[in-house]
Protein backbone atom coordinates (compact mmCIF):
# COMPACT_ATOMS: atom_id res chain seq x y z
CA UNK A 1 0.00 0.00 0.00
CA UNK A 2 1.35 3.36 -1.03
CA UNK A 3 1.30 6.18 1.50
CA UNK A 4 0.00 9.61 0.56
CA UNK A 5 2.72 12.19 0.16
CA UNK A 6 2.89 15.80 -0.80
CA UNK A 7 3.62 16.44 -4.46
CA UNK A 8 6.70 18.64 -4.07
CA UNK A 9 6.66 20.05 -7.62
CA UNK A 10 3.08 21.25 -7.24
CA UNK A 11 3.86 22.61 -3.78
CA UNK A 12 6.74 24.67 -5.14
CA UNK A 13 4.49 26.08 -7.89
CA UNK A 14 1.95 27.08 -5.25
CA UNK A 15 4.60 28.73 -3.08
CA UNK A 16 5.87 30.70 -6.08
CA UNK A 17 2.35 31.96 -6.76
CA UNK A 18 1.97 32.93 -3.11
CA UNK A 19 5.30 34.77 -3.21
CA UNK A 20 4.23 36.71 -6.29
CA UNK A 21 0.94 37.46 -4.55
CA UNK A 22 2.85 38.84 -1.57
CA UNK A 23 4.84 41.17 -3.83
CA UNK A 24 1.61 42.38 -5.45
CA UNK A 25 0.02 42.88 -2.02
CA UNK A 26 2.69 45.44 -1.18
CA UNK A 27 3.12 46.96 -4.64
CA UNK A 28 -0.58 47.64 -5.33
CA UNK A 29 -1.42 49.70 -2.23
CA UNK A 30 1.90 51.55 -2.51
CA UNK A 31 1.06 52.59 -6.06
CA UNK A 32 -2.45 53.61 -4.96
CA UNK A 33 -0.91 55.85 -2.31
CA UNK A 34 1.47 57.39 -4.86
CA UNK A 35 -1.38 57.94 -7.31
CA UNK A 36 -3.60 59.66 -4.73
CA UNK A 37 -0.76 61.86 -3.50
CA UNK A 38 -0.12 63.15 -7.06
CA UNK A 39 -3.64 63.84 -8.33
CA UNK A 40 -2.58 66.90 -10.32
CA UNK A 41 -0.13 64.91 -12.51
CA UNK A 42 -1.07 63.64 -15.96
CA UNK A 43 -0.40 59.99 -15.13
CA UNK A 44 -2.83 59.94 -12.19
CA UNK A 45 -5.59 57.92 -13.88
CA UNK A 46 -3.33 55.31 -15.62
CA UNK A 47 -1.35 54.77 -12.41
CA UNK A 48 -4.54 54.38 -10.39
CA UNK A 49 -5.95 51.86 -12.87
CA UNK A 50 -2.67 49.92 -12.88
CA UNK A 51 -2.49 49.82 -9.10
CA UNK A 52 -6.09 48.61 -8.77
CA UNK A 53 -5.37 45.85 -11.31
CA UNK A 54 -2.29 44.82 -9.31
CA UNK A 55 -4.42 44.61 -6.15
CA UNK A 56 -6.95 42.41 -7.95
CA UNK A 57 -4.09 40.27 -9.27
CA UNK A 58 -2.77 39.85 -5.72
CA UNK A 59 -6.09 38.47 -4.49
CA UNK A 60 -6.41 36.18 -7.53
CA UNK A 61 -2.87 34.82 -7.12
CA UNK A 62 -3.46 34.23 -3.41
CA UNK A 63 -6.55 32.10 -4.12
CA UNK A 64 -4.85 30.19 -6.95
CA UNK A 65 -1.71 29.69 -4.84
CA UNK A 66 -3.69 28.32 -1.90
CA UNK A 67 -5.64 26.02 -4.19
CA UNK A 68 -2.40 24.75 -5.73
CA UNK A 69 -0.87 24.13 -2.30
CA UNK A 70 -3.97 22.28 -1.12
CA UNK A 71 -3.99 20.20 -4.32
CA UNK A 72 -0.36 19.25 -3.71
CA UNK A 73 -1.21 17.94 -0.24
CA UNK A 74 -4.63 16.36 -0.67
CA UNK A 75 -5.02 15.52 -4.35
CA UNK A 76 -5.65 11.84 -5.09
CA UNK A 77 -3.68 10.56 -8.04
CA UNK A 78 -5.01 7.65 -10.07
CA UNK A 79 -2.34 5.18 -11.09
PDB file of N, CA and C in Angstrom:
ATOM      1  N   UNK A   1       0.840  -1.187   0.000  1.00  0.00           N
ATOM      2  CA  UNK A   1       0.000   0.000   0.000  1.00  0.00           C
ATOM      3  C   UNK A   1       0.881   1.244   0.000  1.00  0.00           C
ATOM      4  N   UNK A   2       0.570   2.127  -0.899  1.00  0.00           N
ATOM      5  CA  UNK A   2       1.353   3.356  -1.032  1.00  0.00           C
ATOM      6  C   UNK A   2       0.816   4.432  -0.100  1.00  0.00           C
ATOM      7  N   UNK A   3       1.725   5.106   0.603  1.00  0.00           N
ATOM      8  CA  UNK A   3       1.297   6.176   1.497  1.00  0.00           C
ATOM      9  C   UNK A   3       1.122   7.478   0.716  1.00  0.00           C
ATOM     10  N   UNK A   4       0.248   8.320   1.219  1.00  0.00           N
ATOM     11  CA  UNK A   4       0.001   9.607   0.560  1.00  0.00           C
ATOM     12  C   UNK A   4       1.111  10.571   0.937  1.00  0.00           C
ATOM     13  N   UNK A   5       1.660  11.221  -0.069  1.00  0.00           N
ATOM     14  CA  UNK A   5       2.721  12.190   0.156  1.00  0.00           C
ATOM     15  C   UNK A   5       2.414  13.463  -0.598  1.00  0.00           C
ATOM     16  N   UNK A   6       3.063  14.515  -0.153  1.00  0.00           N
ATOM     17  CA  UNK A   6       2.895  15.804  -0.804  1.00  0.00           C
ATOM     18  C   UNK A   6       3.645  15.816  -2.128  1.00  0.00           C
ATOM     19  N   UNK A   7       2.980  16.285  -3.171  1.00  0.00           N
ATOM     20  CA  UNK A   7       3.623  16.444  -4.463  1.00  0.00           C
ATOM     21  C   UNK A   7       4.482  17.708  -4.395  1.00  0.00           C
ATOM     22  N   UNK A   8       5.801  17.523  -4.318  1.00  0.00           N
ATOM     23  CA  UNK A   8       6.700  18.642  -4.074  1.00  0.00           C
ATOM     24  C   UNK A   8       6.746  19.634  -5.239  1.00  0.00           C
ATOM     25  N   UNK A   9       6.634  19.141  -6.464  1.00  0.00           N
ATOM     26  CA  UNK A   9       6.656  20.053  -7.618  1.00  0.00           C
ATOM     27  C   UNK A   9       5.446  20.986  -7.599  1.00  0.00           C
ATOM     28  N   UNK A  10       4.291  20.431  -7.307  1.00  0.00           N
ATOM     29  CA  UNK A  10       3.079  21.246  -7.238  1.00  0.00           C
ATOM     30  C   UNK A  10       3.138  22.199  -6.053  1.00  0.00           C
ATOM     31  N   UNK A  11       3.712  21.754  -4.950  1.00  0.00           N
ATOM     32  CA  UNK A  11       3.856  22.606  -3.776  1.00  0.00           C
ATOM     33  C   UNK A  11       4.749  23.804  -4.080  1.00  0.00           C
ATOM     34  N   UNK A  12       5.830  23.582  -4.786  1.00  0.00           N
ATOM     35  CA  UNK A  12       6.741  24.670  -5.135  1.00  0.00           C
ATOM     36  C   UNK A  12       6.053  25.671  -6.067  1.00  0.00           C
ATOM     37  N   UNK A  13       5.248  25.179  -7.006  1.00  0.00           N
ATOM     38  CA  UNK A  13       4.494  26.078  -7.888  1.00  0.00           C
ATOM     39  C   UNK A  13       3.535  26.942  -7.071  1.00  0.00           C
ATOM     40  N   UNK A  14       2.875  26.332  -6.101  1.00  0.00           N
ATOM     41  CA  UNK A  14       1.952  27.078  -5.254  1.00  0.00           C
ATOM     42  C   UNK A  14       2.667  28.121  -4.409  1.00  0.00           C
ATOM     43  N   UNK A  15       3.833  27.779  -3.884  1.00  0.00           N
ATOM     44  CA  UNK A  15       4.598  28.734  -3.084  1.00  0.00           C
ATOM     45  C   UNK A  15       5.102  29.894  -3.929  1.00  0.00           C
ATOM     46  N   UNK A  16       5.457  29.624  -5.180  1.00  0.00           N
ATOM     47  CA  UNK A  16       5.873  30.700  -6.079  1.00  0.00           C
ATOM     48  C   UNK A  16       4.724  31.660  -6.345  1.00  0.00           C
ATOM     49  N   UNK A  17       3.524  31.109  -6.542  1.00  0.00           N
ATOM     50  CA  UNK A  17       2.351  31.961  -6.762  1.00  0.00           C
ATOM     51  C   UNK A  17       2.052  32.787  -5.516  1.00  0.00           C
ATOM     52  N   UNK A  18       2.209  32.192  -4.341  1.00  0.00           N
ATOM     53  CA  UNK A  18       1.970  32.925  -3.109  1.00  0.00           C
ATOM     54  C   UNK A  18       3.019  34.021  -2.911  1.00  0.00           C
ATOM     55  N   UNK A  19       4.256  33.755  -3.301  1.00  0.00           N
ATOM     56  CA  UNK A  19       5.300  34.773  -3.208  1.00  0.00           C
ATOM     57  C   UNK A  19       5.025  35.943  -4.133  1.00  0.00           C
ATOM     58  N   UNK A  20       4.583  35.643  -5.345  1.00  0.00           N
ATOM     59  CA  UNK A  20       4.226  36.706  -6.285  1.00  0.00           C
ATOM     60  C   UNK A  20       3.020  37.486  -5.775  1.00  0.00           C
ATOM     61  N   UNK A  21       2.094  36.796  -5.152  1.00  0.00           N
ATOM     62  CA  UNK A  21       0.940  37.463  -4.551  1.00  0.00           C
ATOM     63  C   UNK A  21       1.381  38.408  -3.437  1.00  0.00           C
ATOM     64  N   UNK A  22       2.350  38.001  -2.650  1.00  0.00           N
ATOM     65  CA  UNK A  22       2.854  38.841  -1.565  1.00  0.00           C
ATOM     66  C   UNK A  22       3.492  40.118  -2.114  1.00  0.00           C
ATOM     67  N   UNK A  23       4.237  39.987  -3.200  1.00  0.00           N
ATOM     68  CA  UNK A  23       4.836  41.167  -3.828  1.00  0.00           C
ATOM     69  C   UNK A  23       3.748  42.110  -4.324  1.00  0.00           C
ATOM     70  N   UNK A  24       2.719  41.551  -4.947  1.00  0.00           N
ATOM     71  CA  UNK A  24       1.608  42.375  -5.451  1.00  0.00           C
ATOM     72  C   UNK A  24       0.823  43.008  -4.308  1.00  0.00           C
ATOM     73  N   UNK A  25       0.741  42.332  -3.165  1.00  0.00           N
ATOM     74  CA  UNK A  25       0.017  42.880  -2.021  1.00  0.00           C
ATOM     75  C   UNK A  25       0.693  44.125  -1.461  1.00  0.00           C
ATOM     76  N   UNK A  26       1.999  44.241  -1.613  1.00  0.00           N
ATOM     77  CA  UNK A  26       2.692  45.444  -1.178  1.00  0.00           C
ATOM     78  C   UNK A  26       2.776  46.484  -2.285  1.00  0.00           C
ATOM     79  N   UNK A  27       2.947  46.051  -3.517  1.00  0.00           N
ATOM     80  CA  UNK A  27       3.115  46.964  -4.638  1.00  0.00           C
ATOM     81  C   UNK A  27       1.821  47.713  -4.969  1.00  0.00           C
ATOM     82  N   UNK A  28       0.692  47.014  -4.974  1.00  0.00           N
ATOM     83  CA  UNK A  28      -0.579  47.637  -5.332  1.00  0.00           C
ATOM     84  C   UNK A  28      -0.970  48.794  -4.425  1.00  0.00           C
ATOM     85  N   UNK A  29      -1.058  48.585  -3.113  1.00  0.00           N
ATOM     86  CA  UNK A  29      -1.418  49.704  -2.227  1.00  0.00           C
ATOM     87  C   UNK A  29      -0.385  50.834  -2.232  1.00  0.00           C
ATOM     88  N   UNK A  30       0.877  50.507  -2.427  1.00  0.00           N
ATOM     89  CA  UNK A  30       1.898  51.552  -2.507  1.00  0.00           C
ATOM     90  C   UNK A  30       1.664  52.436  -3.723  1.00  0.00           C
ATOM     91  N   UNK A  31       1.342  51.813  -4.852  1.00  0.00           N
ATOM     92  CA  UNK A  31       1.063  52.591  -6.056  1.00  0.00           C
ATOM     93  C   UNK A  31      -0.235  53.390  -5.918  1.00  0.00           C
ATOM     94  N   UNK A  32      -1.214  52.847  -5.199  1.00  0.00           N
ATOM     95  CA  UNK A  32      -2.447  53.608  -4.956  1.00  0.00           C
ATOM     96  C   UNK A  32      -2.132  54.859  -4.133  1.00  0.00           C
ATOM     97  N   UNK A  33      -1.300  54.706  -3.135  1.00  0.00           N
ATOM     98  CA  UNK A  33      -0.907  55.854  -2.308  1.00  0.00           C
ATOM     99  C   UNK A  33      -0.180  56.906  -3.144  1.00  0.00           C
ATOM    100  N   UNK A  34       0.731  56.459  -3.994  1.00  0.00           N
ATOM    101  CA  UNK A  34       1.468  57.390  -4.859  1.00  0.00           C
ATOM    102  C   UNK A  34       0.518  58.090  -5.817  1.00  0.00           C
ATOM    103  N   UNK A  35      -0.429  57.340  -6.370  1.00  0.00           N
ATOM    104  CA  UNK A  35      -1.382  57.939  -7.308  1.00  0.00           C
ATOM    105  C   UNK A  35      -2.244  58.992  -6.618  1.00  0.00           C
ATOM    106  N   UNK A  36      -2.743  58.701  -5.425  1.00  0.00           N
ATOM    107  CA  UNK A  36      -3.595  59.664  -4.735  1.00  0.00           C
ATOM    108  C   UNK A  36      -2.820  60.871  -4.209  1.00  0.00           C
ATOM    109  N   UNK A  37      -1.534  60.715  -3.975  1.00  0.00           N
ATOM    110  CA  UNK A  37      -0.756  61.863  -3.501  1.00  0.00           C
ATOM    111  C   UNK A  37      -0.329  62.776  -4.648  1.00  0.00           C
ATOM    112  N   UNK A  38      -0.475  62.337  -5.901  1.00  0.00           N
ATOM    113  CA  UNK A  38      -0.118  63.149  -7.065  1.00  0.00           C
ATOM    114  C   UNK A  38      -1.309  63.280  -8.005  1.00  0.00           C
ATOM    115  N   UNK A  39      -2.428  63.764  -7.519  1.00  0.00           N
ATOM    116  CA  UNK A  39      -3.638  63.836  -8.329  1.00  0.00           C
ATOM    117  C   UNK A  39      -3.553  64.890  -9.429  1.00  0.00           C
ATOM    118  N   UNK A  40      -2.672  65.858  -9.303  1.00  0.00           N
ATOM    119  CA  UNK A  40      -2.575  66.899 -10.324  1.00  0.00           C
ATOM    120  C   UNK A  40      -1.695  66.488 -11.505  1.00  0.00           C
ATOM    121  N   UNK A  41      -0.999  65.376 -11.420  1.00  0.00           N
ATOM    122  CA  UNK A  41      -0.133  64.911 -12.507  1.00  0.00           C
ATOM    123  C   UNK A  41      -0.964  64.292 -13.625  1.00  0.00           C
ATOM    124  N   UNK A  42      -0.347  64.175 -14.801  1.00  0.00           N
ATOM    125  CA  UNK A  42      -1.066  63.636 -15.957  1.00  0.00           C
ATOM    126  C   UNK A  42      -1.219  62.123 -15.900  1.00  0.00           C
ATOM    127  N   UNK A  43      -0.342  61.452 -15.202  1.00  0.00           N
ATOM    128  CA  UNK A  43      -0.399  59.990 -15.134  1.00  0.00           C
ATOM    129  C   UNK A  43      -1.212  59.486 -13.939  1.00  0.00           C
ATOM    130  N   UNK A  44      -2.044  60.333 -13.360  1.00  0.00           N
ATOM    131  CA  UNK A  44      -2.829  59.943 -12.189  1.00  0.00           C
ATOM    132  C   UNK A  44      -3.786  58.791 -12.505  1.00  0.00           C
ATOM    133  N   UNK A  45      -4.578  58.930 -13.547  1.00  0.00           N
ATOM    134  CA  UNK A  45      -5.588  57.915 -13.882  1.00  0.00           C
ATOM    135  C   UNK A  45      -4.940  56.599 -14.332  1.00  0.00           C
ATOM    136  N   UNK A  46      -3.951  56.595 -15.241  1.00  0.00           N
ATOM    137  CA  UNK A  46      -3.334  55.313 -15.621  1.00  0.00           C
ATOM    138  C   UNK A  46      -2.650  54.603 -14.447  1.00  0.00           C
ATOM    139  N   UNK A  47      -2.007  55.373 -13.572  1.00  0.00           N
ATOM    140  CA  UNK A  47      -1.347  54.765 -12.411  1.00  0.00           C
ATOM    141  C   UNK A  47      -2.373  54.196 -11.438  1.00  0.00           C
ATOM    142  N   UNK A  48      -3.483  54.877 -11.275  1.00  0.00           N
ATOM    143  CA  UNK A  48      -4.535  54.382 -10.391  1.00  0.00           C
ATOM    144  C   UNK A  48      -5.150  53.097 -10.941  1.00  0.00           C
ATOM    145  N   UNK A  49      -5.397  53.062 -12.244  1.00  0.00           N
ATOM    146  CA  UNK A  49      -5.949  51.855 -12.866  1.00  0.00           C
ATOM    147  C   UNK A  49      -4.970  50.697 -12.741  1.00  0.00           C
ATOM    148  N   UNK A  50      -3.688  50.963 -12.999  1.00  0.00           N
ATOM    149  CA  UNK A  50      -2.670  49.916 -12.883  1.00  0.00           C
ATOM    150  C   UNK A  50      -2.576  49.381 -11.458  1.00  0.00           C
ATOM    151  N   UNK A  51      -2.617  50.264 -10.486  1.00  0.00           N
ATOM    152  CA  UNK A  51      -2.495  49.820  -9.096  1.00  0.00           C
ATOM    153  C   UNK A  51      -3.705  49.012  -8.650  1.00  0.00           C
ATOM    154  N   UNK A  52      -4.900  49.383  -9.111  1.00  0.00           N
ATOM    155  CA  UNK A  52      -6.089  48.605  -8.769  1.00  0.00           C
ATOM    156  C   UNK A  52      -6.031  47.224  -9.413  1.00  0.00           C
ATOM    157  N   UNK A  53      -5.537  47.156 -10.654  1.00  0.00           N
ATOM    158  CA  UNK A  53      -5.370  45.850 -11.307  1.00  0.00           C
ATOM    159  C   UNK A  53      -4.349  44.981 -10.582  1.00  0.00           C
ATOM    160  N   UNK A  54      -3.287  45.582 -10.069  1.00  0.00           N
ATOM    161  CA  UNK A  54      -2.286  44.821  -9.306  1.00  0.00           C
ATOM    162  C   UNK A  54      -2.897  44.297  -8.009  1.00  0.00           C
ATOM    163  N   UNK A  55      -3.750  45.086  -7.368  1.00  0.00           N
ATOM    164  CA  UNK A  55      -4.425  44.611  -6.145  1.00  0.00           C
ATOM    165  C   UNK A  55      -5.349  43.438  -6.448  1.00  0.00           C
ATOM    166  N   UNK A  56      -6.076  43.519  -7.546  1.00  0.00           N
ATOM    167  CA  UNK A  56      -6.953  42.412  -7.948  1.00  0.00           C
ATOM    168  C   UNK A  56      -6.125  41.179  -8.276  1.00  0.00           C
ATOM    169  N   UNK A  57      -4.992  41.381  -8.953  1.00  0.00           N
ATOM    170  CA  UNK A  57      -4.090  40.271  -9.274  1.00  0.00           C
ATOM    171  C   UNK A  57      -3.545  39.612  -8.007  1.00  0.00           C
ATOM    172  N   UNK A  58      -3.275  40.399  -6.979  1.00  0.00           N
ATOM    173  CA  UNK A  58      -2.766  39.853  -5.721  1.00  0.00           C
ATOM    174  C   UNK A  58      -3.783  38.912  -5.075  1.00  0.00           C
ATOM    175  N   UNK A  59      -5.041  39.318  -5.079  1.00  0.00           N
ATOM    176  CA  UNK A  59      -6.090  38.467  -4.495  1.00  0.00           C
ATOM    177  C   UNK A  59      -6.257  37.196  -5.324  1.00  0.00           C
ATOM    178  N   UNK A  60      -6.263  37.340  -6.641  1.00  0.00           N
ATOM    179  CA  UNK A  60      -6.406  36.183  -7.529  1.00  0.00           C
ATOM    180  C   UNK A  60      -5.245  35.198  -7.337  1.00  0.00           C
ATOM    181  N   UNK A  61      -4.025  35.709  -7.294  1.00  0.00           N
ATOM    182  CA  UNK A  61      -2.870  34.824  -7.115  1.00  0.00           C
ATOM    183  C   UNK A  61      -2.876  34.151  -5.751  1.00  0.00           C
ATOM    184  N   UNK A  62      -3.385  34.840  -4.737  1.00  0.00           N
ATOM    185  CA  UNK A  62      -3.463  34.228  -3.412  1.00  0.00           C
ATOM    186  C   UNK A  62      -4.423  33.043  -3.424  1.00  0.00           C
ATOM    187  N   UNK A  63      -5.592  33.207  -4.055  1.00  0.00           N
ATOM    188  CA  UNK A  63      -6.547  32.098  -4.123  1.00  0.00           C
ATOM    189  C   UNK A  63      -5.993  30.939  -4.954  1.00  0.00           C
ATOM    190  N   UNK A  64      -5.402  31.247  -6.092  1.00  0.00           N
ATOM    191  CA  UNK A  64      -4.850  30.195  -6.951  1.00  0.00           C
ATOM    192  C   UNK A  64      -3.676  29.506  -6.254  1.00  0.00           C
ATOM    193  N   UNK A  65      -2.847  30.278  -5.569  1.00  0.00           N
ATOM    194  CA  UNK A  65      -1.714  29.690  -4.843  1.00  0.00           C
ATOM    195  C   UNK A  65      -2.165  28.766  -3.731  1.00  0.00           C
ATOM    196  N   UNK A  66      -3.169  29.186  -2.967  1.00  0.00           N
ATOM    197  CA  UNK A  66      -3.691  28.322  -1.902  1.00  0.00           C
ATOM    198  C   UNK A  66      -4.320  27.054  -2.463  1.00  0.00           C
ATOM    199  N   UNK A  67      -5.040  27.199  -3.564  1.00  0.00           N
ATOM    200  CA  UNK A  67      -5.643  26.023  -4.187  1.00  0.00           C
ATOM    201  C   UNK A  67      -4.558  25.060  -4.669  1.00  0.00           C
ATOM    202  N   UNK A  68      -3.498  25.590  -5.249  1.00  0.00           N
ATOM    203  CA  UNK A  68      -2.399  24.747  -5.728  1.00  0.00           C
ATOM    204  C   UNK A  68      -1.706  24.039  -4.564  1.00  0.00           C
ATOM    205  N   UNK A  69      -1.500  24.744  -3.471  1.00  0.00           N
ATOM    206  CA  UNK A  69      -0.865  24.132  -2.298  1.00  0.00           C
ATOM    207  C   UNK A  69      -1.765  23.043  -1.717  1.00  0.00           C
ATOM    208  N   UNK A  70      -3.048  23.296  -1.634  1.00  0.00           N
ATOM    209  CA  UNK A  70      -3.973  22.284  -1.123  1.00  0.00           C
ATOM    210  C   UNK A  70      -4.030  21.077  -2.051  1.00  0.00           C
ATOM    211  N   UNK A  71      -4.002  21.309  -3.365  1.00  0.00           N
ATOM    212  CA  UNK A  71      -3.986  20.201  -4.315  1.00  0.00           C
ATOM    213  C   UNK A  71      -2.725  19.361  -4.163  1.00  0.00           C
ATOM    214  N   UNK A  72      -1.600  20.006  -3.854  1.00  0.00           N
ATOM    215  CA  UNK A  72      -0.357  19.245  -3.707  1.00  0.00           C
ATOM    216  C   UNK A  72      -0.395  18.345  -2.474  1.00  0.00           C
ATOM    217  N   UNK A  73      -1.163  18.738  -1.470  1.00  0.00           N
ATOM    218  CA  UNK A  73      -1.213  17.942  -0.238  1.00  0.00           C
ATOM    219  C   UNK A  73      -2.320  16.892  -0.247  1.00  0.00           C
ATOM    220  N   UNK A  74      -3.470  17.225  -0.817  1.00  0.00           N
ATOM    221  CA  UNK A  74      -4.632  16.357  -0.665  1.00  0.00           C
ATOM    222  C   UNK A  74      -5.154  15.758  -1.955  1.00  0.00           C
ATOM    223  N   UNK A  75      -4.521  16.011  -3.062  1.00  0.00           N
ATOM    224  CA  UNK A  75      -5.018  15.517  -4.354  1.00  0.00           C
ATOM    225  C   UNK A  75      -4.768  14.028  -4.480  1.00  0.00           C
ATOM    226  N   UNK A  76      -5.786  13.288  -4.898  1.00  0.00           N
ATOM    227  CA  UNK A  76      -5.652  11.839  -5.087  1.00  0.00           C
ATOM    228  C   UNK A  76      -5.228  11.574  -6.530  1.00  0.00           C
ATOM    229  N   UNK A  77      -4.135  10.908  -6.682  1.00  0.00           N
ATOM    230  CA  UNK A  77      -3.684  10.556  -8.041  1.00  0.00           C
ATOM    231  C   UNK A  77      -4.191   9.161  -8.380  1.00  0.00           C
ATOM    232  N   UNK A  78      -4.556   8.969  -9.623  1.00  0.00           N
ATOM    233  CA  UNK A  78      -5.010   7.649 -10.069  1.00  0.00           C
ATOM    234  C   UNK A  78      -3.882   7.021 -10.862  1.00  0.00           C
ATOM    235  N   UNK A  79      -3.428   5.890 -10.409  1.00  0.00           N
ATOM    236  CA  UNK A  79      -2.337   5.177 -11.091  1.00  0.00           C
ATOM    237  C   UNK A  79      -2.862   3.926 -11.743  1.00  0.00           C
TER     238      UNK A  79
END
